[in-house]
Amino acid sequence: MLLSDAIRIRINYYLKKKNMTIWKLYKASGVPKSTLCALMNNTSLPKLDTLHHISEGFNISIREFFNDPMFDETEQD
């Protein structure tokens, strides 16, 4: 699995778990909605600081964000 796919899957997981929309994530994280949409549409790869802000928007640590076995077997895009 590509790293970008795993990141999108994880964001979708937390959107559902936290009952959030992209709009709510934008408001909570400060990451521009256009950046979130580009990430979710697979037209851009996130920077580490963007993932940090997304994690903060979900009220989790970045460690918790990446704490899933699917990240053990990812390939770089």
PDB file of N, CA and C in Angstrom:
ATOM      1  N   MET A   1       0.849  -1.166   0.000  1.00  0.00           N
ATOM      2  CA  MET A   1       0.000   0.000   0.000  1.00  0.00           C
ATOM      3  C   MET A   1       0.900   1.236   0.000  1.00  0.00           C
ATOM      4  N   LEU A   2       0.491   2.236  -0.747  1.00  0.00           N
ATOM      5  CA  LEU A   2       1.241   3.480  -0.771  1.00  0.00           C
ATOM      6  C   LEU A   2       0.986   4.274   0.505  1.00  0.00           C
ATOM      7  N   LEU A   3       1.989   5.013   0.926  1.00  0.00           N
ATOM      8  CA  LEU A   3       1.874   5.819   2.133  1.00  0.00           C
ATOM      9  C   LEU A   3       0.704   6.799   2.025  1.00  0.00           C
ATOM     10  N   SER A   4       0.527   7.429   0.876  1.00  0.00           N
ATOM     11  CA  SER A   4      -0.574   8.395   0.710  1.00  0.00           C
ATOM     12  C   SER A   4      -1.931   7.716   0.890  1.00  0.00           C
ATOM     13  N   ASP A   5      -2.057   6.483   0.426  1.00  0.00           N
ATOM     14  CA  ASP A   5      -3.316   5.746   0.609  1.00  0.00           C
ATOM     15  C   ASP A   5      -3.558   5.456   2.087  1.00  0.00           C
ATOM     16  N   ALA A   6      -2.521   5.053   2.798  1.00  0.00           N
ATOM     17  CA  ALA A   6      -2.654   4.753   4.226  1.00  0.00           C
ATOM     18  C   ALA A   6      -3.039   6.011   5.002  1.00  0.00           C
ATOM     19  N   ILE A   7      -2.461   7.138   4.644  1.00  0.00           N
ATOM     20  CA  ILE A   7      -2.791   8.398   5.320  1.00  0.00           C
ATOM     21  C   ILE A   7      -4.251   8.759   5.081  1.00  0.00           C
ATOM     22  N   ARG A   8      -4.713   8.625   3.851  1.00  0.00           N
ATOM     23  CA  ARG A   8      -6.130   8.919   3.548  1.00  0.00           C
ATOM     24  C   ARG A   8      -7.064   7.982   4.312  1.00  0.00           C
ATOM     25  N   ILE A   9      -6.716   6.706   4.364  1.00  0.00           N
ATOM     26  CA  ILE A   9      -7.529   5.741   5.111  1.00  0.00           C
ATOM     27  C   ILE A   9      -7.593   6.141   6.581  1.00  0.00           C
ATOM     28  N   ARG A  10      -6.454   6.541   7.122  1.00  0.00           N
ATOM     29  CA  ARG A  10      -6.409   6.909   8.544  1.00  0.00           C
ATOM     30  C   ARG A  10      -7.202   8.191   8.817  1.00  0.00           C
ATOM     31  N   ILE A  11      -7.114   9.153   7.934  1.00  0.00           N
ATOM     32  CA  ILE A  11      -7.901  10.378   8.097  1.00  0.00           C
ATOM     33  C   ILE A  11      -9.387  10.046   8.039  1.00  0.00           C
ATOM     34  N   ASN A  12      -9.781   9.237   7.076  1.00  0.00           N
ATOM     35  CA  ASN A  12     -11.192   8.831   6.997  1.00  0.00           C
ATOM     36  C   ASN A  12     -11.636   8.093   8.254  1.00  0.00           C
ATOM     37  N   TYR A  13     -10.766   7.259   8.792  1.00  0.00           N
ATOM     38  CA  TYR A  13     -11.065   6.535  10.031  1.00  0.00           C
ATOM     39  C   TYR A  13     -11.378   7.525  11.156  1.00  0.00           C
ATOM     40  N   TYR A  14     -10.504   8.515  11.322  1.00  0.00           N
ATOM     41  CA  TYR A  14     -10.718   9.470  12.409  1.00  0.00           C
ATOM     42  C   TYR A  14     -11.867  10.430  12.126  1.00  0.00           C
ATOM     43  N   LEU A  15     -12.118  10.735  10.861  1.00  0.00           N
ATOM     44  CA  LEU A  15     -13.296  11.558  10.551  1.00  0.00           C
ATOM     45  C   LEU A  15     -14.562  10.851  11.029  1.00  0.00           C
ATOM     46  N   LYS A  16     -14.645   9.558  10.751  1.00  0.00           N
ATOM     47  CA  LYS A  16     -15.821   8.791  11.183  1.00  0.00           C
ATOM     48  C   LYS A  16     -15.836   8.625  12.695  1.00  0.00           C
ATOM     49  N   LYS A  17     -14.697   8.271  13.282  1.00  0.00           N
ATOM     50  CA  LYS A  17     -14.624   8.032  14.724  1.00  0.00           C
ATOM     51  C   LYS A  17     -14.984   9.282  15.521  1.00  0.00           C
ATOM     52  N   LYS A  18     -14.547  10.436  15.045  1.00  0.00           N
ATOM     53  CA  LYS A  18     -14.787  11.691  15.753  1.00  0.00           C
ATOM     54  C   LYS A  18     -16.042  12.411  15.253  1.00  0.00           C
ATOM     55  N   ASN A  19     -16.760  11.754  14.317  1.00  0.00           N
ATOM     56  CA  ASN A  19     -17.978  12.347  13.746  1.00  0.00           C
ATOM     57  C   ASN A  19     -17.696  13.741  13.189  1.00  0.00           C
ATOM     58  N   MET A  20     -16.680  13.823  12.337  1.00  0.00           N
ATOM     59  CA  MET A  20     -16.255  15.098  11.778  1.00  0.00           C
ATOM     60  C   MET A  20     -16.376  15.076  10.259  1.00  0.00           C
ATOM     61  N   THR A  21     -16.461  16.256   9.696  1.00  0.00           N
ATOM     62  CA  THR A  21     -16.394  16.449   8.248  1.00  0.00           C
ATOM     63  C   THR A  21     -15.056  17.126   7.943  1.00  0.00           C
ATOM     64  N   ILE A  22     -14.739  17.231   6.673  1.00  0.00           N
ATOM     65  CA  ILE A  22     -13.535  17.961   6.269  1.00  0.00           C
ATOM     66  C   ILE A  22     -13.615  19.394   6.788  1.00  0.00           C
ATOM     67  N   TRP A  23     -14.800  19.994   6.709  1.00  0.00           N
ATOM     68  CA  TRP A  23     -14.989  21.357   7.199  1.00  0.00           C
ATOM     69  C   TRP A  23     -14.659  21.454   8.694  1.00  0.00           C
ATOM     70  N   LYS A  24     -15.158  20.516   9.488  1.00  0.00           N
ATOM     71  CA  LYS A  24     -14.877  20.527  10.926  1.00  0.00           C
ATOM     72  C   LYS A  24     -13.392  20.295  11.197  1.00  0.00           C
ATOM     73  N   LEU A  25     -12.775  19.432  10.405  1.00  0.00           N
ATOM     74  CA  LEU A  25     -11.341  19.189  10.571  1.00  0.00           C
ATOM     75  C   LEU A  25     -10.552  20.450  10.233  1.00  0.00           C
ATOM     76  N   TYR A  26     -10.956  21.137   9.186  1.00  0.00           N
ATOM     77  CA  TYR A  26     -10.314  22.404   8.820  1.00  0.00           C
ATOM     78  C   TYR A  26     -10.408  23.390   9.974  1.00  0.00           C
ATOM     79  N   LYS A  27     -11.576  23.526  10.554  1.00  0.00           N
ATOM     80  CA  LYS A  27     -11.771  24.474  11.652  1.00  0.00           C
ATOM     81  C   LYS A  27     -10.955  24.071  12.885  1.00  0.00           C
ATOM     82  N   ALA A  28     -10.876  22.780  13.158  1.00  0.00           N
ATOM     83  CA  ALA A  28     -10.171  22.299  14.352  1.00  0.00           C
ATOM     84  C   ALA A  28      -8.654  22.295  14.184  1.00  0.00           C
ATOM     85  N   SER A  29      -8.182  22.069  12.953  1.00  0.00           N
ATOM     86  CA  SER A  29      -6.747  21.902  12.733  1.00  0.00           C
ATOM     87  C   SER A  29      -6.054  23.147  12.192  1.00  0.00           C
ATOM     88  N   GLY A  30      -6.806  24.003  11.515  1.00  0.00           N
ATOM     89  CA  GLY A  30      -6.192  25.163  10.876  1.00  0.00           C
ATOM     90  C   GLY A  30      -5.565  24.840   9.535  1.00  0.00           C
ATOM     91  N   VAL A  31      -5.636  23.587   9.115  1.00  0.00           N
ATOM     92  CA  VAL A  31      -5.123  23.197   7.801  1.00  0.00           C
ATOM     93  C   VAL A  31      -6.157  23.657   6.767  1.00  0.00           C
ATOM     94  N   PRO A  32      -5.728  24.420   5.756  1.00  0.00           N
ATOM     95  CA  PRO A  32      -6.691  24.922   4.781  1.00  0.00           C
ATOM     96  C   PRO A  32      -7.543  23.807   4.165  1.00  0.00           C
ATOM     97  N   LYS A  33      -8.805  24.131   3.945  1.00  0.00           N
ATOM     98  CA  LYS A  33      -9.723  23.146   3.373  1.00  0.00           C
ATOM     99  C   LYS A  33      -9.217  22.657   2.025  1.00  0.00           C
ATOM    100  N   SER A  34      -8.631  23.552   1.242  1.00  0.00           N
ATOM    101  CA  SER A  34      -8.102  23.158  -0.066  1.00  0.00           C
ATOM    102  C   SER A  34      -6.983  22.129   0.079  1.00  0.00           C
ATOM    103  N   THR A  35      -6.155  22.270   1.108  1.00  0.00           N
ATOM    104  CA  THR A  35      -5.079  21.306   1.363  1.00  0.00           C
ATOM    105  C   THR A  35      -5.659  19.957   1.760  1.00  0.00           C
ATOM    106  N   LEU A  36      -6.652  19.975   2.642  1.00  0.00           N
ATOM    107  CA  LEU A  36      -7.300  18.728   3.061  1.00  0.00           C
ATOM    108  C   LEU A  36      -7.964  18.041   1.874  1.00  0.00           C
ATOM    109  N   CYS A  37      -8.652  18.800   1.036  1.00  0.00           N
ATOM    110  CA  CYS A  37      -9.319  18.211  -0.132  1.00  0.00           C
ATOM    111  C   CYS A  37      -8.306  17.638  -1.113  1.00  0.00           C
ATOM    112  N   ALA A  38      -7.204  18.351  -1.343  1.00  0.00           N
ATOM    113  CA  ALA A  38      -6.164  17.847  -2.242  1.00  0.00           C
ATOM    114  C   ALA A  38      -5.562  16.561  -1.703  1.00  0.00           C
ATOM    115  N   LEU A  39      -5.353  16.518  -0.401  1.00  0.00           N
ATOM    116  CA  LEU A  39      -4.820  15.307   0.226  1.00  0.00           C
ATOM    117  C   LEU A  39      -5.806  14.150   0.060  1.00  0.00           C
ATOM    118  N   MET A  40      -7.079  14.408   0.323  1.00  0.00           N
ATOM    119  CA  MET A  40      -8.088  13.352   0.252  1.00  0.00           C
ATOM    120  C   MET A  40      -8.376  12.916  -1.187  1.00  0.00           C
ATOM    121  N   ASN A  41      -8.125  13.804  -2.151  1.00  0.00           N
ATOM    122  CA  ASN A  41      -8.329  13.471  -3.559  1.00  0.00           C
ATOM    123  C   ASN A  41      -7.059  12.926  -4.209  1.00  0.00           C
ATOM    124  N   ASN A  42      -6.030  12.710  -3.400  1.00  0.00           N
ATOM    125  CA  ASN A  42      -4.764  12.148  -3.862  1.00  0.00           C
ATOM    126  C   ASN A  42      -4.072  13.020  -4.911  1.00  0.00           C
ATOM    127  N   THR A  43      -4.213  14.332  -4.766  1.00  0.00           N
ATOM    128  CA  THR A  43      -3.512  15.229  -5.683  1.00  0.00           C
ATOM    129  C   THR A  43      -2.318  15.906  -5.018  1.00  0.00           C
ATOM    130  N   SER A  44      -2.120  15.633  -3.731  1.00  0.00           N
ATOM    131  CA  SER A  44      -0.919  16.137  -3.055  1.00  0.00           C
ATOM    132  C   SER A  44      -0.566  15.220  -1.893  1.00  0.00           C
ATOM    133  N   LEU A  45       0.701  15.274  -1.518  1.00  0.00           N
ATOM    134  CA  LEU A  45       1.181  14.539  -0.359  1.00  0.00           C
ATOM    135  C   LEU A  45       1.354  15.515   0.791  1.00  0.00           C
ATOM    136  N   PRO A  46       0.954  15.123   1.995  1.00  0.00           N
ATOM    137  CA  PRO A  46       1.062  16.047   3.122  1.00  0.00           C
ATOM    138  C   PRO A  46       2.485  16.128   3.661  1.00  0.00           C
ATOM    139  N   LYS A  47       2.821  17.291   4.168  1.00  0.00           N
ATOM    140  CA  LYS A  47       4.079  17.459   4.885  1.00  0.00           C
ATOM    141  C   LYS A  47       3.867  16.994   6.315  1.00  0.00           C
ATOM    142  N   LEU A  48       4.950  16.729   6.996  1.00  0.00           N
ATOM    143  CA  LEU A  48       4.857  16.245   8.368  1.00  0.00           C
ATOM    144  C   LEU A  48       4.162  17.265   9.269  1.00  0.00           C
ATOM    145  N   ASP A  49       4.431  18.553   9.087  1.00  0.00           N
ATOM    146  CA  ASP A  49       3.774  19.545   9.934  1.00  0.00           C
ATOM    147  C   ASP A  49       2.273  19.600   9.668  1.00  0.00           C
ATOM    148  N   THR A  50       1.864  19.336   8.435  1.00  0.00           N
ATOM    149  CA  THR A  50       0.432  19.275   8.121  1.00  0.00           C
ATOM    150  C   THR A  50      -0.216  18.108   8.846  1.00  0.00           C
ATOM    151  N   LEU A  51       0.449  16.958   8.842  1.00  0.00           N
ATOM    152  CA  LEU A  51      -0.081  15.798   9.563  1.00  0.00           C
ATOM    153  C   LEU A  51      -0.135  16.054  11.064  1.00  0.00           C
ATOM    154  N   HIS A  52       0.822  16.802  11.554  1.00  0.00           N
ATOM    155  CA  HIS A  52       0.815  17.163  12.975  1.00  0.00           C
ATOM    156  C   HIS A  52      -0.423  18.011  13.296  1.00  0.00           C
ATOM    157  N   HIS A  53      -0.713  18.995  12.443  1.00  0.00           N
ATOM    158  CA  HIS A  53      -1.894  19.840  12.656  1.00  0.00           C
ATOM    159  C   HIS A  53      -3.192  19.041  12.510  1.00  0.00           C
ATOM    160  N   ILE A  54      -3.217  18.119  11.563  1.00  0.00           N
ATOM    161  CA  ILE A  54      -4.396  17.263  11.400  1.00  0.00           C
ATOM    162  C   ILE A  54      -4.603  16.433  12.662  1.00  0.00           C
ATOM    163  N   SER A  55      -3.532  15.865  13.186  1.00  0.00           N
ATOM    164  CA  SER A  55      -3.629  15.089  14.431  1.00  0.00           C
ATOM    165  C   SER A  55      -4.160  15.948  15.567  1.00  0.00           C
ATOM    166  N   GLU A  56      -3.658  17.163  15.677  1.00  0.00           N
ATOM    167  CA  GLU A  56      -4.153  18.079  16.702  1.00  0.00           C
ATOM    168  C   GLU A  56      -5.642  18.358  16.514  1.00  0.00           C
ATOM    169  N   GLY A  57      -6.067  18.474  15.248  1.00  0.00           N
ATOM    170  CA  GLY A  57      -7.479  18.693  14.960  1.00  0.00           C
ATOM    171  C   GLY A  57      -8.349  17.536  15.421  1.00  0.00           C
ATOM    172  N   PHE A  58      -7.798  16.341  15.378  1.00  0.00           N
ATOM    173  CA  PHE A  58      -8.506  15.168  15.878  1.00  0.00           C
ATOM    174  C   PHE A  58      -8.326  14.999  17.391  1.00  0.00           C
ATOM    175  N   ASN A  59      -7.508  15.855  17.987  1.00  0.00           N
ATOM    176  CA  ASN A  59      -7.207  15.788  19.413  1.00  0.00           C
ATOM    177  C   ASN A  59      -6.493  14.485  19.784  1.00  0.00           C
ATOM    178  N   ILE A  60      -5.558  14.100  18.907  1.00  0.00           N
ATOM    179  CA  ILE A  60      -4.723  12.926  19.139  1.00  0.00           C
ATOM    180  C   ILE A  60      -3.271  13.316  18.870  1.00  0.00           C
ATOM    181  N   SER A  61      -2.349  12.473  19.300  1.00  0.00           N
ATOM    182  CA  SER A  61      -0.937  12.715  18.991  1.00  0.00           C
ATOM    183  C   SER A  61      -0.635  12.177  17.598  1.00  0.00           C
ATOM    184  N   ILE A  62       0.436  12.672  17.024  1.00  0.00           N
ATOM    185  CA  ILE A  62       0.842  12.159  15.719  1.00  0.00           C
ATOM    186  C   ILE A  62       1.250  10.689  15.841  1.00  0.00           C
ATOM    187  N   ARG A  63       1.760  10.318  17.003  1.00  0.00           N
ATOM    188  CA  ARG A  63       2.100   8.914  17.261  1.00  0.00           C
ATOM    189  C   ARG A  63       0.847   8.058  17.175  1.00  0.00           C
ATOM    190  N   GLU A  64      -0.245   8.529  17.774  1.00  0.00           N
ATOM    191  CA  GLU A  64      -1.505   7.788  17.705  1.00  0.00           C
ATOM    192  C   GLU A  64      -2.018   7.702  16.270  1.00  0.00           C
ATOM    193  N   PHE A  65      -1.841   8.790  15.507  1.00  0.00           N
ATOM    194  CA  PHE A  65      -2.274   8.786  14.106  1.00  0.00           C
ATOM    195  C   PHE A  65      -1.598   7.651  13.338  1.00  0.00           C
ATOM    196  N   PHE A  66      -0.303   7.476  13.542  1.00  0.00           N
ATOM    197  CA  PHE A  66       0.451   6.460  12.807  1.00  0.00           C
ATOM    198  C   PHE A  66       0.464   5.100  13.490  1.00  0.00           C
ATOM    199  N   ASN A  67      -0.218   4.971  14.610  1.00  0.00           N
ATOM    200  CA  ASN A  67      -0.232   3.712  15.355  1.00  0.00           C
ATOM    201  C   ASN A  67      -1.243   2.736  14.748  1.00  0.00           C
ATOM    202  N   ASP A  68      -0.878   2.189  13.621  1.00  0.00           N
ATOM    203  CA  ASP A  68      -1.717   1.214  12.934  1.00  0.00           C
ATOM    204  C   ASP A  68      -0.801   0.308  12.117  1.00  0.00           C
ATOM    205  N   PRO A  69      -1.053  -0.988  12.111  1.00  0.00           N
ATOM    206  CA  PRO A  69      -0.181  -1.917  11.390  1.00  0.00           C
ATOM    207  C   PRO A  69      -0.047  -1.635   9.896  1.00  0.00           C
ATOM    208  N   MET A  70      -1.023  -0.957   9.303  1.00  0.00           N
ATOM    209  CA  MET A  70      -0.913  -0.701   7.860  1.00  0.00           C
ATOM    210  C   MET A  70       0.295   0.174   7.528  1.00  0.00           C
ATOM    211  N   PHE A  71       0.756   0.977   8.487  1.00  0.00           N
ATOM    212  CA  PHE A  71       1.922   1.816   8.231  1.00  0.00           C
ATOM    213  C   PHE A  71       3.224   1.024   8.261  1.00  0.00           C
ATOM    214  N   ASP A  72       3.183  -0.201   8.763  1.00  0.00           N
ATOM    215  CA  ASP A  72       4.373  -1.050   8.772  1.00  0.00           C
ATOM    216  C   ASP A  72       4.719  -1.570   7.392  1.00  0.00           C
ATOM    217  N   GLU A  73       3.757  -1.555   6.501  1.00  0.00           N
ATOM    218  CA  GLU A  73       3.958  -2.152   5.188  1.00  0.00           C
ATOM    219  C   GLU A  73       3.695  -1.180   4.047  1.00  0.00           C
ATOM    220  N   THR A  74       3.911   0.100   4.276  1.00  0.00           N
ATOM    221  CA  THR A  74       3.657   1.083   3.234  1.00  0.00           C
ATOM    222  C   THR A  74       4.879   1.273   2.349  1.00  0.00           C
ATOM    223  N   GLU A  75       4.597   1.715   1.142  1.00  0.00           N
ATOM    224  CA  GLU A  75       5.643   2.061   0.184  1.00  0.00           C
ATOM    225  C   GLU A  75       5.585   3.553  -0.055  1.00  0.00           C
ATOM    226  N   GLN A  76       6.728   4.121  -0.343  1.00  0.00           N
ATOM    227  CA  GLN A  76       6.768   5.539  -0.620  1.00  0.00           C
ATOM    228  C   GLN A  76       6.127   5.822  -1.970  1.00  0.00           C
ATOM    229  N   ASP A  77       5.417   6.941  -2.049  1.00  0.00           N
ATOM    230  CA  ASP A  77       4.782   7.354  -3.315  1.00  0.00           C
ATOM    231  C   ASP A  77       5.819   7.777  -4.315  1.00  0.00           C
TER     232      ASP A  77
END
